[in-house]
Amino acid sequence: MSQSKINIFKEALIPKASYKGGKGKAEVLKKIGDKKLYKLSSNENVLGSSPKAIKAMQDAMTNLSEYPDRTDASLRKALSEFYGGILSPEQFVTDNSGVTLLDTIQRAFLNAGNEVIISNPAFKPYHAFARRLDAKIVDIPLIGECYDLDVQGILSAINEETRLIFLTNPNNPTGTHIPKEQLDALINNVPDHVVIVFDEVYYQFADAEDYTTALPYVDQGKNIIGVNSFSKAYGLAGIRMGYAYSTEKIARYIAQLDIPFKLNRLGMVGAIAALSDTEHIKRTVDLVHTEKEYLYEQLEALDIEFWDTQANFITIKPVMKDTEFEEAMILEGVMVRPVKNFGQPDCIRVTIGDREANEAYITALKKVLKK
C-alpha cells in the first residue's frame, strides 16, 4: 500500500534569514587578546544592574528548589503602584523580556493572511515574528532626514486584514522619536480592528518636550499596548523581564496565553525591587544625558554624520563599509553594532558609555577613520 508524503513542517517556520543578535564578548575577546574591551553594541546599562534588584535576587537564592508564584500577580501589583494607580494590576501583562512580549502579542492577534504595518528602519523581530505566523508585512518607511513617521502613508495602508501597527518610541536603531502631534494624528484615526503596539523600552532616556509614552492613550481607552523592558535603564538584561500595559480588555485577552509558573522567582523579585530604585535610574539617565552632549561635540568635530538621540545610543554613518568599520573598531577594543538588517544601511549604532568608554570610542574612531 503506497503512502502519500505528508509535509509536517509549516512553511512559515522553515529556516530563512532571521534576526541575528550582535556579537558576544567571548567571541570578540578571542580576536583582541589582552586588550581592554568596551562593549558599546547592545545598549546595556554601563552602570550595571539596579543595586536594589541585585540585593533582592541574592536574598531569594535560598529557596530555588521551590516553585515560584504560580502567577505574576505580585509583579502586576508592583507595576500598578509604580504607575501611581493610574493603571490597575489587571491592565498589565508580564513576560520573559520585552521581545518575548512582542512575540506573545503577535500570537494573540495574528492569523495567517492578516497584515502588520511596520515603519523601517525598525527593530528586526517585528518582521521575524510576523513571518512565523504567516502574516503579511507592510512596510511604510520612516521619511526624511529625521526619520519622521509617515502618518498618512500608514492610514492609507490600513485595510480589513490589518491587525497590528508597530511603533517604536524612541526608535531603535535611529534614536529618533515620534512627536506627540504625529501620534495624535495617527492614533485618533486608526479603526477599531487595529491595535497599535507601542515599543517604548528606551522611554526613560527621552527628554524631548513633545515625547510621550503610550500611557495617555491607554488612559483614553485606545487600542494601544505599551511595551517595556527591565533590560535597559534598570540594567537587568540578563534576567529577561518585560511588561506591557493596555486597556483591561486587551491586557486580559493577551494574558490568556500565559502558562503557570511562567516567571522565575529571581526575575520577579528583581523586577519588583528595580521599580523602586529611583536613585539608580536617575544616575543612569543623568550619565546618558551628560555623555550624549560630550559625544555630540566629538562627532561634530570629526565631521561624522549622526542623528540626535532620545535613547541611550547614538547612530552614526561613517564613510566606510559597515562590516569593515565594525571589525576595525573591534581590533581597537570597541564593540559597535551595524544596523543594516534593521533597515538603516551603512550605519552603526553605538551605546553611550561612561567617559572612559566614550573616550576609548572616540580614540578608536579617529584611528579607524584616520581623522
Protein backbone atom coordinates (compact mmCIF):
# COMPACT_ATOMS: atom_id res chain seq x y z
CA MET A 1 0.00 0.00 0.00
CA SER A 2 1.54 3.28 -1.13
CA GLN A 3 1.59 6.18 1.27
CA SER A 4 1.37 9.80 0.26
CA LYS A 5 4.12 12.00 1.60
CA ILE A 6 2.75 14.32 4.27
CA ASN A 7 4.64 17.52 4.96
CA ILE A 8 4.72 18.06 8.72
CA PHE A 9 6.53 21.40 8.50
CA LYS A 10 4.81 24.79 8.43
CA GLU A 11 6.09 26.85 5.52
CA ALA A 12 6.39 29.95 7.70
CA LEU A 13 8.75 28.14 10.10
CA ILE A 14 11.17 26.73 7.54
CA PRO A 15 14.51 28.44 8.33
CA LYS A 16 15.18 31.57 6.33
CA ALA A 17 17.08 34.78 7.04
CA SER A 18 16.17 35.82 10.56
CA TYR A 19 17.09 38.25 13.31
CA LYS A 20 20.68 37.89 14.45
CA GLY A 21 21.91 39.49 17.63
CA GLY A 22 25.18 41.36 17.85
CA LYS A 23 28.50 39.68 18.55
CA GLY A 24 29.12 38.37 22.06
CA LYS A 25 32.05 39.49 24.22
CA ALA A 26 33.52 35.99 24.35
CA GLU A 27 33.96 35.69 20.58
CA VAL A 28 35.40 39.22 20.35
CA LEU A 29 37.90 38.69 23.17
CA LYS A 30 39.42 35.82 21.17
CA LYS A 31 40.35 38.37 18.49
CA ILE A 32 41.88 41.08 20.67
CA GLY A 33 43.72 39.11 23.34
CA ASP A 34 44.64 41.11 26.43
CA LYS A 35 43.39 44.45 25.10
CA LYS A 36 40.64 46.07 27.21
CA LEU A 37 37.24 45.68 25.59
CA TYR A 38 34.41 48.22 25.66
CA LYS A 39 31.08 46.71 24.68
CA LEU A 40 29.05 49.52 23.11
CA SER A 41 26.98 47.33 20.81
CA SER A 42 23.94 46.22 22.84
CA ASN A 43 22.63 49.37 24.60
CA GLU A 44 23.25 47.87 28.02
CA ASN A 45 23.43 49.97 31.18
CA VAL A 46 27.08 50.95 31.66
CA LEU A 47 26.46 51.47 35.40
CA GLY A 48 25.34 47.87 35.72
CA SER A 49 22.24 46.48 37.40
CA SER A 50 19.93 48.13 39.89
CA PRO A 51 21.55 47.54 43.32
CA LYS A 52 18.12 47.02 44.88
CA ALA A 53 17.38 44.33 42.31
CA ILE A 54 20.68 42.57 42.96
CA LYS A 55 20.05 42.55 46.72
CA ALA A 56 16.52 41.19 46.28
CA MET A 57 17.71 38.41 43.99
CA GLN A 58 20.53 37.46 46.33
CA ASP A 59 18.06 37.19 49.19
CA ALA A 60 15.82 34.95 47.05
CA MET A 61 18.61 32.48 46.27
CA THR A 62 17.93 30.38 49.38
CA ASN A 63 14.78 28.64 48.16
CA LEU A 64 15.34 27.92 44.48
CA SER A 65 14.22 24.32 44.97
CA GLU A 66 10.67 25.60 45.37
CA TYR A 67 8.43 26.74 42.54
CA PRO A 68 7.91 30.49 42.15
CA ASP A 69 4.48 32.10 42.44
CA ARG A 70 2.07 30.42 40.06
CA THR A 71 1.00 33.79 38.63
CA ASP A 72 2.56 37.20 38.10
CA ALA A 73 0.09 38.92 40.46
CA SER A 74 2.77 40.36 42.74
CA LEU A 75 4.65 41.96 39.85
CA ARG A 76 1.48 43.38 38.32
CA LYS A 77 0.55 44.87 41.70
CA ALA A 78 4.00 46.48 41.94
CA LEU A 79 3.65 47.85 38.41
CA SER A 80 0.27 49.38 39.26
CA GLU A 81 1.85 51.12 42.25
CA PHE A 82 4.79 52.26 40.08
CA TYR A 83 2.30 53.99 37.75
CA GLY A 84 0.66 55.71 40.71
CA GLY A 85 -2.53 53.68 40.49
CA ILE A 86 -3.42 55.19 37.09
CA LEU A 87 -3.34 51.63 35.75
CA SER A 88 -4.84 48.70 37.64
CA PRO A 89 -2.96 45.39 38.04
CA GLU A 90 -5.39 43.92 35.51
CA GLN A 91 -4.03 46.27 32.82
CA PHE A 92 -0.56 44.69 32.86
CA VAL A 93 0.88 41.65 31.14
CA THR A 94 4.34 40.38 32.07
CA ASP A 95 6.69 38.05 30.26
CA ASN A 96 10.29 36.92 29.92
CA SER A 97 11.62 40.11 28.28
CA GLY A 98 10.14 42.83 26.12
CA VAL A 99 10.99 40.93 22.96
CA THR A 100 9.09 37.87 24.21
CA LEU A 101 6.08 40.12 24.75
CA LEU A 102 6.30 41.23 21.11
CA ASP A 103 6.03 37.58 20.11
CA THR A 104 3.17 36.94 22.55
CA ILE A 105 1.22 39.94 21.27
CA GLN A 106 1.56 38.82 17.67
CA ARG A 107 0.43 35.30 18.53
CA ALA A 108 -2.59 36.79 20.28
CA PHE A 109 -3.78 38.90 17.34
CA LEU A 110 -2.45 37.45 14.09
CA ASN A 111 -3.74 34.69 11.87
CA ALA A 112 -2.30 33.66 8.52
CA GLY A 113 -3.08 36.35 5.96
CA ASN A 114 -3.50 39.18 8.45
CA GLU A 115 -1.37 42.27 7.91
CA VAL A 116 1.15 44.04 10.12
CA ILE A 117 2.36 47.59 9.46
CA ILE A 118 5.99 48.33 10.29
CA SER A 119 7.97 51.50 9.61
CA ASN A 120 11.59 50.79 8.76
CA PRO A 121 14.26 51.30 9.99
CA ALA A 122 12.85 49.23 12.84
CA PHE A 123 13.64 46.50 15.36
CA LYS A 124 14.06 43.31 13.31
CA PRO A 125 11.97 40.91 15.48
CA TYR A 126 8.77 42.76 14.46
CA HIS A 127 9.28 41.26 10.99
CA ALA A 128 10.58 37.87 12.10
CA PHE A 129 7.73 37.08 14.48
CA ALA A 130 5.05 38.12 11.98
CA ARG A 131 6.56 35.89 9.29
CA ARG A 132 6.40 32.90 11.63
CA LEU A 133 2.65 33.37 11.79
CA ASP A 134 2.38 33.69 8.00
CA ALA A 135 1.20 37.28 8.30
CA LYS A 136 1.85 39.87 5.60
CA ILE A 137 4.29 42.65 6.47
CA VAL A 138 3.51 46.09 5.08
CA ASP A 139 6.45 48.47 5.30
CA ILE A 140 5.62 52.19 5.45
CA PRO A 141 9.15 53.56 5.84
CA LEU A 142 10.07 56.46 8.07
CA ILE A 143 10.57 59.55 5.94
CA GLY A 144 13.04 62.42 5.63
CA GLU A 145 16.42 63.07 7.21
CA CYS A 146 14.86 62.98 10.69
CA TYR A 147 13.05 59.66 10.14
CA ASP A 148 9.57 61.04 10.67
CA LEU A 149 6.51 58.80 10.87
CA ASP A 150 4.53 58.70 7.60
CA VAL A 151 1.14 59.11 9.24
CA GLN A 152 -0.88 59.40 6.04
CA GLY A 153 1.00 56.51 4.49
CA ILE A 154 0.12 54.27 7.43
CA LEU A 155 -3.52 55.32 7.47
CA SER A 156 -3.81 54.72 3.72
CA ALA A 157 -2.29 51.23 4.09
CA ILE A 158 -4.86 50.04 6.63
CA ASN A 159 -7.43 47.58 5.30
CA GLU A 160 -9.73 44.86 6.66
CA GLU A 161 -6.78 42.47 7.17
CA THR A 162 -4.66 44.94 9.17
CA ARG A 163 -4.39 43.90 12.80
CA LEU A 164 -1.23 45.46 14.24
CA ILE A 165 0.83 48.62 13.77
CA PHE A 166 4.29 48.68 15.34
CA LEU A 167 5.64 52.00 16.58
CA THR A 168 8.95 52.39 18.40
CA ASN A 169 9.46 55.50 20.50
CA PRO A 170 12.33 56.27 20.90
CA ASN A 171 13.19 54.29 17.80
CA ASN A 172 15.76 51.55 17.54
CA PRO A 173 18.05 51.91 15.59
CA THR A 174 17.76 55.61 14.70
CA GLY A 175 17.41 57.01 18.25
CA THR A 176 14.78 59.45 16.99
CA HIS A 177 11.32 59.91 18.49
CA ILE A 178 7.77 60.35 17.24
CA PRO A 179 6.39 63.76 18.28
CA LYS A 180 3.07 63.68 20.10
CA GLU A 181 1.39 65.66 17.32
CA GLN A 182 2.18 62.89 14.83
CA LEU A 183 1.00 60.23 17.26
CA ASP A 184 -2.29 62.05 17.84
CA ALA A 185 -2.89 62.28 14.09
CA LEU A 186 -2.37 58.54 13.73
CA ILE A 187 -3.94 57.10 16.88
CA ASN A 188 -7.09 59.20 16.65
CA ASN A 189 -7.78 57.91 13.13
CA VAL A 190 -6.99 54.19 13.39
CA PRO A 191 -10.08 51.95 13.08
CA ASP A 192 -11.17 49.73 15.97
CA HIS A 193 -9.97 46.47 14.40
CA VAL A 194 -6.33 47.64 14.53
CA VAL A 195 -4.13 47.53 17.64
CA ILE A 196 -1.06 49.73 17.97
CA VAL A 197 1.98 48.12 19.60
CA PHE A 198 3.99 50.94 21.15
CA ASP A 199 7.53 49.80 21.93
CA GLU A 200 8.85 52.29 24.49
CA VAL A 201 11.72 50.35 26.09
CA TYR A 202 14.01 53.42 25.94
CA TYR A 203 11.45 55.86 27.36
CA GLN A 204 13.46 56.75 30.49
CA PHE A 205 16.14 58.41 28.34
CA ALA A 206 13.77 60.61 26.29
CA ASP A 207 13.83 64.31 27.18
CA ALA A 208 12.14 65.93 24.17
CA GLU A 209 9.26 68.21 25.14
CA ASP A 210 6.94 66.57 22.62
CA TYR A 211 7.78 63.00 23.64
CA THR A 212 5.07 60.79 25.13
CA THR A 213 4.62 57.18 26.14
CA ALA A 214 1.50 55.13 25.40
CA LEU A 215 0.08 55.92 28.84
CA PRO A 216 -2.20 58.86 27.93
CA TYR A 217 -3.67 56.88 25.02
CA VAL A 218 -4.32 53.83 27.19
CA ASP A 219 -5.97 56.15 29.69
CA GLN A 220 -8.27 57.32 26.87
CA GLY A 221 -9.24 53.71 26.12
CA LYS A 222 -7.42 53.50 22.78
CA ASN A 223 -6.41 50.14 21.29
CA ILE A 224 -2.75 50.56 22.14
CA ILE A 225 -0.23 48.43 24.04
CA GLY A 226 2.82 49.96 25.73
CA VAL A 227 5.76 47.52 25.77
CA ASN A 228 8.62 47.89 28.26
CA SER A 229 11.72 46.07 29.41
CA PHE A 230 13.89 45.84 32.51
CA SER A 231 16.96 45.39 30.28
CA LYS A 232 17.93 48.98 29.53
CA ALA A 233 17.65 51.64 32.25
CA TYR A 234 17.36 49.08 35.05
CA GLY A 235 20.40 47.16 33.81
CA LEU A 236 18.76 43.75 34.08
CA ALA A 237 19.21 42.40 30.55
CA GLY A 238 20.48 39.10 31.92
CA ILE A 239 17.29 38.16 33.78
CA ARG A 240 14.98 38.70 30.75
CA MET A 241 11.98 40.52 32.22
CA GLY A 242 9.45 42.72 30.47
CA TYR A 243 5.95 44.05 30.80
CA ALA A 244 3.19 45.59 28.75
CA TYR A 245 0.16 47.67 29.66
CA SER A 246 -3.07 48.37 27.84
CA THR A 247 -6.80 48.57 28.41
CA GLU A 248 -8.03 45.87 30.77
CA LYS A 249 -9.88 44.16 27.90
CA ILE A 250 -6.74 43.88 25.75
CA ALA A 251 -4.41 43.01 28.63
CA ARG A 252 -6.60 40.19 29.95
CA TYR A 253 -7.06 38.89 26.41
CA ILE A 254 -3.29 38.64 25.85
CA ALA A 255 -2.90 37.07 29.28
CA GLN A 256 -4.88 34.05 28.10
CA LEU A 257 -1.60 32.90 26.55
CA ASP A 258 0.03 32.76 29.99
CA ILE A 259 1.25 29.46 31.37
CA PRO A 260 1.56 28.52 35.07
CA PHE A 261 4.88 29.46 36.72
CA LYS A 262 5.83 31.49 33.66
CA LEU A 263 8.17 33.86 35.52
CA ASN A 264 11.10 32.67 37.59
CA ARG A 265 11.43 33.77 41.22
CA LEU A 266 14.66 35.72 40.77
CA GLY A 267 13.28 37.65 37.80
CA MET A 268 10.12 38.62 39.63
CA VAL A 269 11.75 39.76 42.87
CA GLY A 270 14.46 41.56 40.91
CA ALA A 271 11.97 43.41 38.75
CA ILE A 272 9.81 44.40 41.72
CA ALA A 273 12.83 45.76 43.58
CA ALA A 274 14.12 47.59 40.49
CA LEU A 275 10.86 49.52 40.16
CA SER A 276 11.61 51.28 43.45
CA ASP A 277 15.26 52.02 42.61
CA THR A 278 14.74 55.63 41.55
CA GLU A 279 18.31 56.55 42.51
CA HIS A 280 19.78 54.06 40.03
CA ILE A 281 17.51 55.30 37.26
CA LYS A 282 18.46 58.93 37.96
CA ARG A 283 22.18 58.14 37.92
CA THR A 284 21.77 56.21 34.68
CA VAL A 285 19.74 58.87 32.90
CA ASP A 286 21.97 61.72 34.12
CA LEU A 287 25.06 59.90 32.85
CA VAL A 288 23.50 59.27 29.44
CA HIS A 289 22.40 62.89 29.03
CA THR A 290 25.81 64.26 30.07
CA GLU A 291 27.80 61.87 27.89
CA LYS A 292 25.44 62.38 24.97
CA GLU A 293 26.45 66.03 24.80
CA TYR A 294 30.13 65.10 25.03
CA LEU A 295 29.76 62.67 22.13
CA TYR A 296 27.83 65.20 20.04
CA GLU A 297 30.76 67.62 20.36
CA GLN A 298 33.32 64.96 19.46
CA LEU A 299 31.37 63.66 16.46
CA GLU A 300 30.77 67.18 15.14
CA ALA A 301 34.49 67.95 15.45
CA LEU A 302 35.26 64.84 13.42
CA ASP A 303 32.60 65.78 10.83
CA ILE A 304 30.86 62.42 11.19
CA GLU A 305 27.19 62.20 10.29
CA PHE A 306 24.97 61.21 13.23
CA TRP A 307 21.41 61.56 14.47
CA ASP A 308 20.38 63.33 17.67
CA THR A 309 19.10 60.68 20.03
CA GLN A 310 16.37 60.22 22.60
CA ALA A 311 17.78 56.84 23.65
CA ASN A 312 20.99 55.59 25.26
CA PHE A 313 22.80 55.17 21.94
CA ILE A 314 23.86 57.35 19.01
CA THR A 315 23.71 56.08 15.44
CA ILE A 316 26.43 57.30 13.09
CA LYS A 317 27.15 56.96 9.38
CA PRO A 318 30.90 56.63 8.87
CA VAL A 319 32.35 56.92 5.39
CA MET A 320 33.30 53.25 5.41
CA LYS A 321 31.60 49.93 4.78
CA ASP A 322 29.71 48.98 7.93
CA THR A 323 31.16 45.47 8.37
CA GLU A 324 34.69 46.72 7.79
CA PHE A 325 34.13 49.51 10.29
CA GLU A 326 32.80 47.07 12.89
CA GLU A 327 35.82 44.78 12.54
CA ALA A 328 38.29 47.67 12.63
CA MET A 329 36.71 49.05 15.81
CA ILE A 330 36.80 45.60 17.43
CA LEU A 331 40.55 45.44 16.82
CA GLU A 332 40.78 48.74 18.70
CA GLY A 333 38.85 47.23 21.62
CA VAL A 334 35.42 48.79 20.96
CA MET A 335 32.33 46.77 20.06
CA VAL A 336 29.72 48.60 17.94
CA ARG A 337 26.64 47.43 16.01
CA PRO A 338 25.94 47.69 12.27
CA VAL A 339 22.20 48.16 11.71
CA LYS A 340 21.78 47.29 8.05
CA ASN A 341 19.45 44.41 8.96
CA PHE A 342 17.27 46.92 10.86
CA GLY A 343 16.78 48.85 7.60
CA GLN A 344 19.48 51.51 8.08
CA PRO A 345 22.34 50.53 5.72
CA ASP A 346 25.90 51.80 6.20
CA CYS A 347 25.03 52.98 9.71
CA ILE A 348 26.46 51.99 13.07
CA ARG A 349 24.69 52.08 16.45
CA VAL A 350 26.91 52.89 19.42
CA THR A 351 25.84 52.72 23.07
CA ILE A 352 26.52 55.83 25.14
CA GLY A 353 29.05 54.70 27.74
CA ASP A 354 30.76 56.35 30.68
CA ARG A 355 33.54 58.87 30.00
CA GLU A 356 36.27 56.23 29.89
CA ALA A 357 34.39 54.11 27.36
CA ASN A 358 33.40 57.13 25.29
CA GLU A 359 36.97 58.43 25.13
CA ALA A 360 38.13 54.98 24.04
CA TYR A 361 35.42 55.01 21.36
CA ILE A 362 36.45 58.42 20.02
CA THR A 363 40.14 57.47 20.05
CA ALA A 364 39.34 54.30 18.11
CA LEU A 365 37.12 56.24 15.74
CA LYS A 366 39.95 58.65 14.89
CA LYS A 367 42.36 55.78 14.22
CA VAL A 368 39.94 53.77 12.11
CA LEU A 369 38.83 56.74 10.03
CA LYS A 370 42.28 58.40 10.21
CA LYS A 371 40.77 61.72 11.24
